[in-house]
Structures are given as C-alpha cells and as structure tokens.
Amino acid sequence: MSDLPLVSIIILNYNGLRLGHLKTALDSVLKTRYPNFEIIVVDNGSDDGSIKYIKKNYPNVRIVALKKNYGTAIGYMMGILNANGKYVAILNNDVEVDPNWLNPLVEYLEKFPHIAAADPKFRSYFYRDRFEDSAAAGRWIDYFGNNYTRGVNEVDLGQYDRPVYIIAALTLLRKNVLIKCGGFDSYFIFGYEDIDLGWRLYLMGYKIMYVPWSAIYHKSGGTTRATSRRPKPGFYYLNKRNRLITIIKNYSISNMLVALSIILLEYLLTILYFMLTSQKEYSRDIFLAICKVFKNLKYIAKKREQVQSLRKVTDRQVKKYMVPYSGMIWDIINRI
C-alpha cells in the first residue's frame, strides 16, 4: 500500500446506465494513476439496472444503494459517511477523468493545511479543448450570491493555468473538516450545496484552491437544464430558494439584510420579465422559492446559528474572494 493517503472517490449515480454515463465514468476512474484510492458509487434509487451492472462488471466498487432519489446533497453525504479515506473526491456520473487528475489535488491538500478543498479545471466532454459551462476554470459568487464561473466555453489555451482561491467546493475535500463544518446541507436537495459548503469553509478560516494541472471532462447539466444557463422548472425553484438560504446562513446580519434586499428586487424584476415573455412556470418557481423561505424561516435561522458558531473570520475577509456583481439585473431592466 502506498504511503500516500487514501482517497475515497464517490460517484453519485442516478440511471447512469440508461443515460450512457456509468461505464465511461467508472472506466476512467479505474485508470487513475494515484496509487491509493477506493471507489464508492452512491446510487440514488436508479431503476435502470445500474446496481446490477456495477456488481457484475466492477466487483471491487462499493455500492451505497438508496431507495429513492434524495438529490445531490444527501447522496454526497451518504457516500462521505461510508468513506474510509482521509480525503473524499466527489464526482457526478457524467464525467471522464484524466488519468493524472487526482495527484495534483492531493498534493495541494497535503502541502497546505489551510486548504480544505481543491477543484480541477473542467473541460467539455464533447469539445475537449474547451472549458465546459458549469465549473470551467473556477467558480466564485458575487456579494449577492449570484454564481460567477470563469472561462465558460472558452478554448483552453493556458490562460487560466495559475492556481487561485475560489469559493465553490466540490471535487476533493478533507473529510475531517467536511464533517466538522456539517457537510453538505441535506435541506438543499439540489443546487448551491457546494457554494454553501465553500462559504462555510471560508468562515472557518480555510481556503479552496483551483488547481489547473488537474482535469475532468464533463457532459454538463443535460438532465437539469432547459437552456445552457437556466435550469429546468423545479430545479430553477431549488436554485432560487437555496440562494436565499445560503445568504441567510452565512452572512452577518447587516450584510445579510443588504444582500436580501437586492436579491428580492432582482427576483421581482425577473418574475415580471418571465410574465411578459410567457414563461410563467419560471415566475411561479421564484414566487414559490420566496414563500418557502419565509415559511421555514425559523428552521433556517437555526441552521444559521450553527454556521455562525463556527465563524473565525469576518465577512470582509471572505468577500475578498467574491466578485462585486455578476447577476442579470441590468439585462432584465433593459429587456423590460
């Protein structure tokens, strides 16, 4: 056994056999050149024979079989709680990893104790020389919780081949720190669970690193998106709801109130825009997201207390790793 630490590679699967993802993901992970890892597939209630297929063709892969699709956050946590490694690596089933993807990520976490998580560059599975459009060359958020992704759909010419601190944490994480901070929030179900986690890690005094010498090829959002930028109805609701919860949980009171006022204005303008353009299902999703947060404010406030009890740094220190604004409010105003 290698002296290098054990990494538990967790692949989240839902009907990956039917969709044609599972074989590609498992075959590529098994070619990983890092010498000390285990593979755990968390199956989110697949009904396409995925579990039987894995047992027959990949007998050394451990399976955590869930009875139904609990979403990404619970799926991730079920894998993490069954992991034996010092580090956990989280993958979706629609990826293909470079054989050397894991080594640079582990190297950074081993060398720098203040780094709690590391992300690779994400290239498109279909256009191998381009960044894909969900994680690309690192992800940040603005002061109001809007996602900002660098390098989306750009040709990778080495323009982002420098390690930088990012906000979102999803690929390789320290298991002990992950457990200490409460892990992925199971209430989120889908969307913002990685941004919320990353924000909490920063509040605890840790950092997250983008490591450009590691590469993963991703098919990028085929089951959750209606367009290249917008999730399908239902997923859109979760995205808008979870953004509000992330702001409430992680900001200090004053910054939270400022951010929420801007977000609610943005949401109202977006509702108006969707109403005028006959996309009422998206207007309904935003309205339901706001109502759900208000209805469950007491529960969310308890989660906020837990997060704030872990705080070691100020909002100002965390905001150094955010961007000022990356939302669509001006585009919406111009369209209206």
Protein backbone atom coordinates (compact mmCIF):
# COMPACT_ATOMS: atom_id res chain seq x y z
CA MET A 1 0.00 0.00 0.00
CA SER A 2 1.24 3.46 -0.89
CA ASP A 3 2.38 5.91 1.78
CA LEU A 4 0.10 8.45 0.14
CA PRO A 5 -3.24 8.98 1.95
CA LEU A 6 -6.31 7.01 0.99
CA VAL A 7 -8.80 8.90 -1.18
CA SER A 8 -12.42 7.80 -1.30
CA ILE A 9 -13.77 8.55 -4.78
CA ILE A 10 -17.54 8.95 -4.54
CA ILE A 11 -19.58 8.77 -7.75
CA LEU A 12 -23.18 9.90 -7.49
CA ASN A 13 -25.38 7.92 -9.86
CA TYR A 14 -28.99 8.11 -10.98
CA ASN A 15 -29.88 5.99 -14.01
CA GLY A 16 -26.37 6.39 -15.35
CA LEU A 17 -26.56 3.10 -17.21
CA ARG A 18 -29.60 4.17 -19.23
CA LEU A 19 -28.06 7.56 -19.95
CA GLY A 20 -24.79 6.02 -21.12
CA HIS A 21 -22.67 7.70 -18.42
CA LEU A 22 -21.77 4.96 -15.99
CA LYS A 23 -19.25 2.89 -17.97
CA THR A 24 -17.33 5.96 -19.11
CA ALA A 25 -17.07 7.33 -15.57
CA LEU A 26 -16.05 4.07 -13.90
CA ASP A 27 -13.58 3.03 -16.61
CA SER A 28 -11.82 6.38 -16.44
CA VAL A 29 -11.71 6.46 -12.63
CA LEU A 30 -10.21 2.97 -12.56
CA LYS A 31 -7.36 4.29 -14.74
CA THR A 32 -6.49 6.92 -12.13
CA ARG A 33 -2.73 6.84 -11.59
CA TYR A 34 -2.91 7.87 -7.96
CA PRO A 35 -1.88 4.70 -6.09
CA ASN A 36 -4.23 4.65 -3.09
CA PHE A 37 -7.96 5.06 -3.61
CA GLU A 38 -11.31 3.33 -3.18
CA ILE A 39 -14.42 3.83 -5.30
CA ILE A 40 -17.90 4.21 -3.83
CA VAL A 41 -20.95 4.56 -6.05
CA VAL A 42 -23.93 6.13 -4.32
CA ASP A 43 -26.97 5.06 -6.29
CA ASN A 44 -29.89 7.46 -5.90
CA GLY A 45 -32.69 4.93 -6.47
CA SER A 46 -31.90 4.05 -10.10
CA ASP A 47 -34.42 1.87 -11.92
CA ASP A 48 -32.28 1.12 -14.97
CA GLY A 49 -30.23 -1.80 -13.64
CA SER A 50 -27.24 0.35 -12.63
CA ILE A 51 -26.58 -1.57 -9.40
CA LYS A 52 -26.73 -4.98 -11.08
CA TYR A 53 -24.42 -3.71 -13.84
CA ILE A 54 -21.85 -2.43 -11.34
CA LYS A 55 -21.88 -5.64 -9.30
CA LYS A 56 -21.32 -7.74 -12.42
CA ASN A 57 -18.68 -5.62 -14.15
CA TYR A 58 -16.94 -3.75 -11.32
CA PRO A 59 -16.85 -6.13 -8.33
CA ASN A 60 -14.32 -4.04 -6.40
CA VAL A 61 -16.55 -0.96 -6.44
CA ARG A 62 -18.50 -0.41 -3.24
CA ILE A 63 -22.18 0.49 -3.62
CA VAL A 64 -24.34 2.57 -1.31
CA ALA A 65 -27.86 1.90 -2.58
CA LEU A 66 -30.54 4.44 -1.67
CA LYS A 67 -34.22 3.55 -2.02
CA LYS A 68 -35.12 6.71 -3.94
CA ASN A 69 -33.55 9.81 -5.46
CA TYR A 70 -32.72 12.01 -2.48
CA GLY A 71 -30.87 14.61 -4.57
CA THR A 72 -27.25 15.61 -4.63
CA ALA A 73 -26.65 16.85 -1.08
CA ILE A 74 -27.93 13.72 0.71
CA GLY A 75 -26.35 11.50 -1.93
CA TYR A 76 -22.95 13.10 -1.38
CA MET A 77 -23.25 12.80 2.39
CA MET A 78 -24.21 9.13 2.27
CA GLY A 79 -21.03 8.48 0.31
CA ILE A 80 -18.93 10.59 2.67
CA LEU A 81 -20.26 8.84 5.78
CA ASN A 82 -19.32 5.48 4.22
CA ALA A 83 -15.86 6.62 3.12
CA ASN A 84 -12.63 5.36 4.69
CA GLY A 85 -10.29 7.92 3.15
CA LYS A 86 -8.53 10.93 4.62
CA TYR A 87 -9.86 12.78 1.57
CA VAL A 88 -13.11 12.39 -0.33
CA ALA A 89 -13.39 13.10 -4.05
CA ILE A 90 -16.90 13.80 -5.34
CA LEU A 91 -17.83 13.06 -8.94
CA ASN A 92 -21.05 13.03 -10.94
CA ASN A 93 -21.66 10.04 -13.18
CA ASP A 94 -21.41 12.15 -16.37
CA VAL A 95 -17.65 12.72 -16.24
CA GLU A 96 -14.46 11.28 -17.59
CA VAL A 97 -11.35 11.95 -15.51
CA ASP A 98 -7.83 12.42 -16.80
CA PRO A 99 -5.57 9.62 -15.50
CA ASN A 100 -3.49 12.18 -13.56
CA TRP A 101 -6.45 14.17 -12.21
CA LEU A 102 -6.11 13.19 -8.56
CA ASN A 103 -2.38 13.62 -7.90
CA PRO A 104 -2.19 17.45 -8.11
CA LEU A 105 -5.30 17.87 -5.94
CA VAL A 106 -3.95 15.62 -3.18
CA GLU A 107 -0.55 17.30 -3.41
CA TYR A 108 -2.06 20.72 -2.65
CA LEU A 109 -4.09 19.49 0.31
CA GLU A 110 -1.11 17.60 1.71
CA LYS A 111 1.21 20.60 1.33
CA PHE A 112 -1.11 23.35 2.59
CA PRO A 113 -3.11 22.63 5.77
CA HIS A 114 -5.19 25.79 5.33
CA ILE A 115 -6.65 24.45 2.05
CA ALA A 116 -9.73 22.37 2.83
CA ALA A 117 -10.78 21.60 -0.75
CA ALA A 118 -9.48 21.72 -4.31
CA ASP A 119 -11.16 21.80 -7.71
CA PRO A 120 -9.65 20.91 -11.12
CA LYS A 121 -10.30 22.58 -14.42
CA PHE A 122 -13.46 21.25 -16.03
CA ARG A 123 -13.32 20.81 -19.80
CA SER A 124 -16.18 19.82 -22.07
CA TYR A 125 -16.56 16.09 -22.65
CA PHE A 126 -17.71 16.81 -26.22
CA TYR A 127 -15.24 19.59 -27.13
CA ARG A 128 -12.08 18.50 -25.38
CA ASP A 129 -10.08 21.68 -25.87
CA ARG A 130 -12.82 23.90 -24.38
CA PHE A 131 -13.96 24.60 -20.86
CA GLU A 132 -17.48 23.44 -20.08
CA ASP A 133 -20.15 25.78 -18.72
CA SER A 134 -20.82 24.79 -15.11
CA ALA A 135 -17.45 24.80 -13.31
CA ALA A 136 -14.93 25.59 -16.09
CA ALA A 137 -11.85 27.38 -14.68
CA GLY A 138 -13.12 28.01 -11.18
CA ARG A 139 -16.28 29.29 -9.53
CA TRP A 140 -16.97 32.29 -7.34
CA ILE A 141 -20.09 34.15 -6.23
CA ASP A 142 -20.81 37.85 -6.07
CA TYR A 143 -21.79 39.73 -2.90
CA PHE A 144 -25.43 38.75 -3.51
CA GLY A 145 -24.98 35.03 -4.13
CA ASN A 146 -25.02 35.05 -7.94
CA ASN A 147 -22.79 32.40 -9.42
CA TYR A 148 -19.72 33.52 -11.39
CA THR A 149 -17.85 30.92 -13.45
CA ARG A 150 -14.60 31.79 -15.21
CA GLY A 151 -13.74 30.67 -18.72
CA VAL A 152 -17.16 29.30 -19.74
CA ASN A 153 -16.98 27.71 -23.23
CA GLU A 154 -13.57 29.29 -23.91
CA VAL A 155 -10.82 27.34 -25.68
CA ASP A 156 -8.26 26.31 -23.07
CA LEU A 157 -5.04 27.99 -24.22
CA GLY A 158 -3.46 28.00 -20.77
CA GLN A 159 -4.93 31.40 -19.90
CA TYR A 160 -6.12 30.03 -16.54
CA ASP A 161 -3.12 27.86 -15.71
CA ARG A 162 -2.41 29.54 -12.40
CA PRO A 163 -3.72 28.28 -9.04
CA VAL A 164 -6.16 30.73 -7.43
CA TYR A 165 -8.53 30.71 -4.48
CA ILE A 166 -12.16 30.00 -5.40
CA ILE A 167 -15.44 29.78 -3.45
CA ALA A 168 -17.26 26.64 -4.59
CA ALA A 169 -16.04 23.31 -3.20
CA LEU A 170 -16.99 20.07 -4.88
CA THR A 171 -14.16 17.79 -6.03
CA LEU A 172 -11.53 16.89 -3.39
CA LEU A 173 -12.18 17.70 0.27
CA ARG A 174 -10.69 16.94 3.68
CA LYS A 175 -13.11 14.52 5.26
CA ASN A 176 -12.48 15.62 8.86
CA VAL A 177 -13.06 19.30 8.04
CA LEU A 178 -16.11 18.43 5.98
CA ILE A 179 -17.66 16.58 8.92
CA LYS A 180 -16.69 19.36 11.36
CA CYS A 181 -18.49 22.03 9.34
CA GLY A 182 -21.63 19.91 8.96
CA GLY A 183 -21.05 18.68 5.41
CA PHE A 184 -23.43 19.34 2.54
CA ASP A 185 -26.76 20.72 3.72
CA SER A 186 -29.34 17.98 3.10
CA TYR A 187 -32.15 20.57 3.01
CA PHE A 188 -30.79 21.95 -0.27
CA ILE A 189 -31.58 18.76 -2.27
CA PHE A 190 -30.05 20.23 -5.45
CA GLY A 191 -28.18 23.44 -6.22
CA TYR A 192 -25.96 25.73 -4.14
CA GLU A 193 -24.92 22.90 -1.81
CA ASP A 194 -21.31 23.33 -2.95
CA ILE A 195 -21.36 27.14 -2.71
CA ASP A 196 -22.91 27.00 0.76
CA LEU A 197 -20.27 24.49 1.85
CA GLY A 198 -17.45 26.57 0.38
CA TRP A 199 -18.67 29.70 2.14
CA ARG A 200 -18.75 27.86 5.48
CA LEU A 201 -15.20 26.60 4.95
CA TYR A 202 -14.04 30.19 4.43
CA LEU A 203 -15.86 31.31 7.57
CA MET A 204 -13.90 28.64 9.46
CA GLY A 205 -10.63 30.11 8.17
CA TYR A 206 -9.94 27.61 5.38
CA LYS A 207 -9.40 28.23 1.67
CA ILE A 208 -10.39 26.43 -1.54
CA MET A 209 -7.94 26.15 -4.42
CA TYR A 210 -8.41 25.88 -8.16
CA VAL A 211 -5.64 23.55 -9.40
CA PRO A 212 -5.18 23.82 -13.19
CA TRP A 213 -2.92 20.76 -13.54
CA SER A 214 -5.88 18.51 -12.83
CA ALA A 215 -8.56 18.00 -15.50
CA ILE A 216 -12.03 16.46 -15.63
CA TYR A 217 -14.20 16.21 -18.74
CA HIS A 218 -17.87 16.89 -18.04
CA LYS A 219 -21.07 16.43 -20.04
CA SER A 220 -22.54 19.35 -18.08
CA GLY A 221 -26.13 19.58 -16.94
CA GLY A 222 -28.02 17.58 -19.55
CA THR A 223 -30.68 16.36 -17.12
CA THR A 224 -31.21 19.58 -15.14
CA ARG A 225 -31.04 22.43 -17.65
CA ALA A 226 -33.59 23.86 -20.03
CA THR A 227 -31.00 26.13 -21.69
CA SER A 228 -27.23 26.49 -21.45
CA ARG A 229 -27.65 28.87 -18.49
CA ARG A 230 -31.04 28.17 -16.92
CA PRO A 231 -32.18 25.07 -15.01
CA LYS A 232 -35.45 23.39 -15.85
CA PRO A 233 -38.55 24.39 -13.87
CA GLY A 234 -38.41 22.71 -10.48
CA PHE A 235 -34.61 22.79 -10.49
CA TYR A 236 -34.92 26.54 -11.04
CA TYR A 237 -37.09 26.78 -7.91
CA LEU A 238 -34.48 24.94 -5.84
CA ASN A 239 -31.72 27.15 -7.22
CA LYS A 240 -33.54 30.37 -6.29
CA ARG A 241 -34.61 29.05 -2.88
CA ASN A 242 -31.16 27.77 -1.97
CA ARG A 243 -29.51 31.03 -2.96
CA LEU A 244 -31.64 32.84 -0.37
CA ILE A 245 -30.88 30.23 2.29
CA THR A 246 -27.14 30.47 1.56
CA ILE A 247 -27.22 34.23 2.11
CA ILE A 248 -29.22 33.92 5.36
CA LYS A 249 -26.96 31.20 6.78
CA ASN A 250 -23.56 32.64 6.02
CA TYR A 251 -23.61 36.46 6.17
CA SER A 252 -23.53 38.64 9.26
CA ILE A 253 -26.83 40.38 10.00
CA SER A 254 -26.05 43.71 8.32
CA ASN A 255 -24.63 42.21 5.12
CA MET A 256 -27.45 39.65 5.02
CA LEU A 257 -30.13 42.37 5.08
CA VAL A 258 -28.42 44.37 2.33
CA ALA A 259 -27.96 41.30 0.15
CA LEU A 260 -31.53 40.10 0.65
CA SER A 261 -32.95 43.48 -0.36
CA ILE A 262 -31.00 43.40 -3.63
CA ILE A 263 -31.90 39.76 -4.28
CA LEU A 264 -35.62 40.33 -3.71
CA LEU A 265 -35.54 43.28 -6.11
CA GLU A 266 -33.78 41.09 -8.65
CA TYR A 267 -36.33 38.31 -8.12
CA LEU A 268 -39.29 40.65 -8.57
CA LEU A 269 -37.86 42.05 -11.80
CA THR A 270 -37.20 38.51 -13.01
CA ILE A 271 -40.80 37.49 -12.22
CA LEU A 272 -42.03 40.46 -14.24
CA TYR A 273 -39.74 39.58 -17.14
CA PHE A 274 -40.93 35.96 -17.24
CA MET A 275 -44.56 37.05 -17.06
CA LEU A 276 -44.09 39.40 -20.00
CA THR A 277 -42.33 36.73 -22.04
CA SER A 278 -44.92 33.96 -21.35
CA GLN A 279 -42.59 31.88 -19.19
CA LYS A 280 -44.96 31.71 -16.24
CA GLU A 281 -43.52 28.46 -14.90
CA TYR A 282 -40.31 30.32 -14.01
CA SER A 283 -42.24 33.19 -12.41
CA ARG A 284 -44.05 30.59 -10.31
CA ASP A 285 -40.75 28.96 -9.30
CA ILE A 286 -39.32 32.26 -8.00
CA PHE A 287 -42.52 33.10 -6.12
CA LEU A 288 -42.61 29.66 -4.51
CA ALA A 289 -38.93 29.96 -3.56
CA ILE A 290 -39.57 33.22 -1.69
CA CYS A 291 -42.65 31.80 0.04
CA LYS A 292 -40.83 28.62 1.06
CA VAL A 293 -38.01 30.57 2.69
CA PHE A 294 -40.42 32.77 4.66
CA LYS A 295 -42.45 29.73 5.71
CA ASN A 296 -39.36 27.92 7.02
CA LEU A 297 -37.52 30.94 8.38
CA LYS A 298 -37.41 29.57 11.92
CA TYR A 299 -35.77 26.35 10.73
CA ILE A 300 -33.32 28.26 8.52
CA ALA A 301 -32.48 30.55 11.46
CA LYS A 302 -31.41 27.51 13.49
CA LYS A 303 -29.13 26.46 10.67
CA ARG A 304 -27.73 29.99 10.62
CA GLU A 305 -26.91 29.76 14.33
CA GLN A 306 -24.95 26.57 13.74
CA VAL A 307 -22.97 28.14 10.90
CA GLN A 308 -22.23 31.36 12.78
CA SER A 309 -20.96 29.38 15.78
CA LEU A 310 -18.12 28.12 13.55
CA ARG A 311 -17.15 31.60 12.33
CA LYS A 312 -13.49 32.58 12.74
CA VAL A 313 -13.19 35.33 10.11
CA THR A 314 -15.22 38.41 9.16
CA ASP A 315 -17.43 38.91 6.12
CA ARG A 316 -14.89 41.38 4.84
CA GLN A 317 -12.20 38.70 4.77
CA VAL A 318 -14.49 36.30 2.88
CA LYS A 319 -15.67 38.95 0.41
CA LYS A 320 -12.10 39.29 -0.85
CA TYR A 321 -12.78 36.03 -2.67
CA MET A 322 -16.08 37.16 -4.18
CA VAL A 323 -16.83 39.40 -7.14
CA PRO A 324 -18.94 42.59 -6.75
CA TYR A 325 -21.84 41.65 -9.04
CA SER A 326 -22.46 39.01 -11.69
CA GLY A 327 -26.26 38.87 -11.85
CA MET A 328 -28.59 39.73 -14.73
CA ILE A 329 -30.47 42.65 -13.21
CA TRP A 330 -29.33 45.18 -15.83
CA ASP A 331 -30.14 42.79 -18.68
CA ILE A 332 -33.61 42.27 -17.23
CA ILE A 333 -34.22 46.01 -16.83
CA ASN A 334 -33.16 46.62 -20.44
CA ARG A 335 -35.42 43.82 -21.70
CA ILE A 336 -38.40 45.13 -19.77
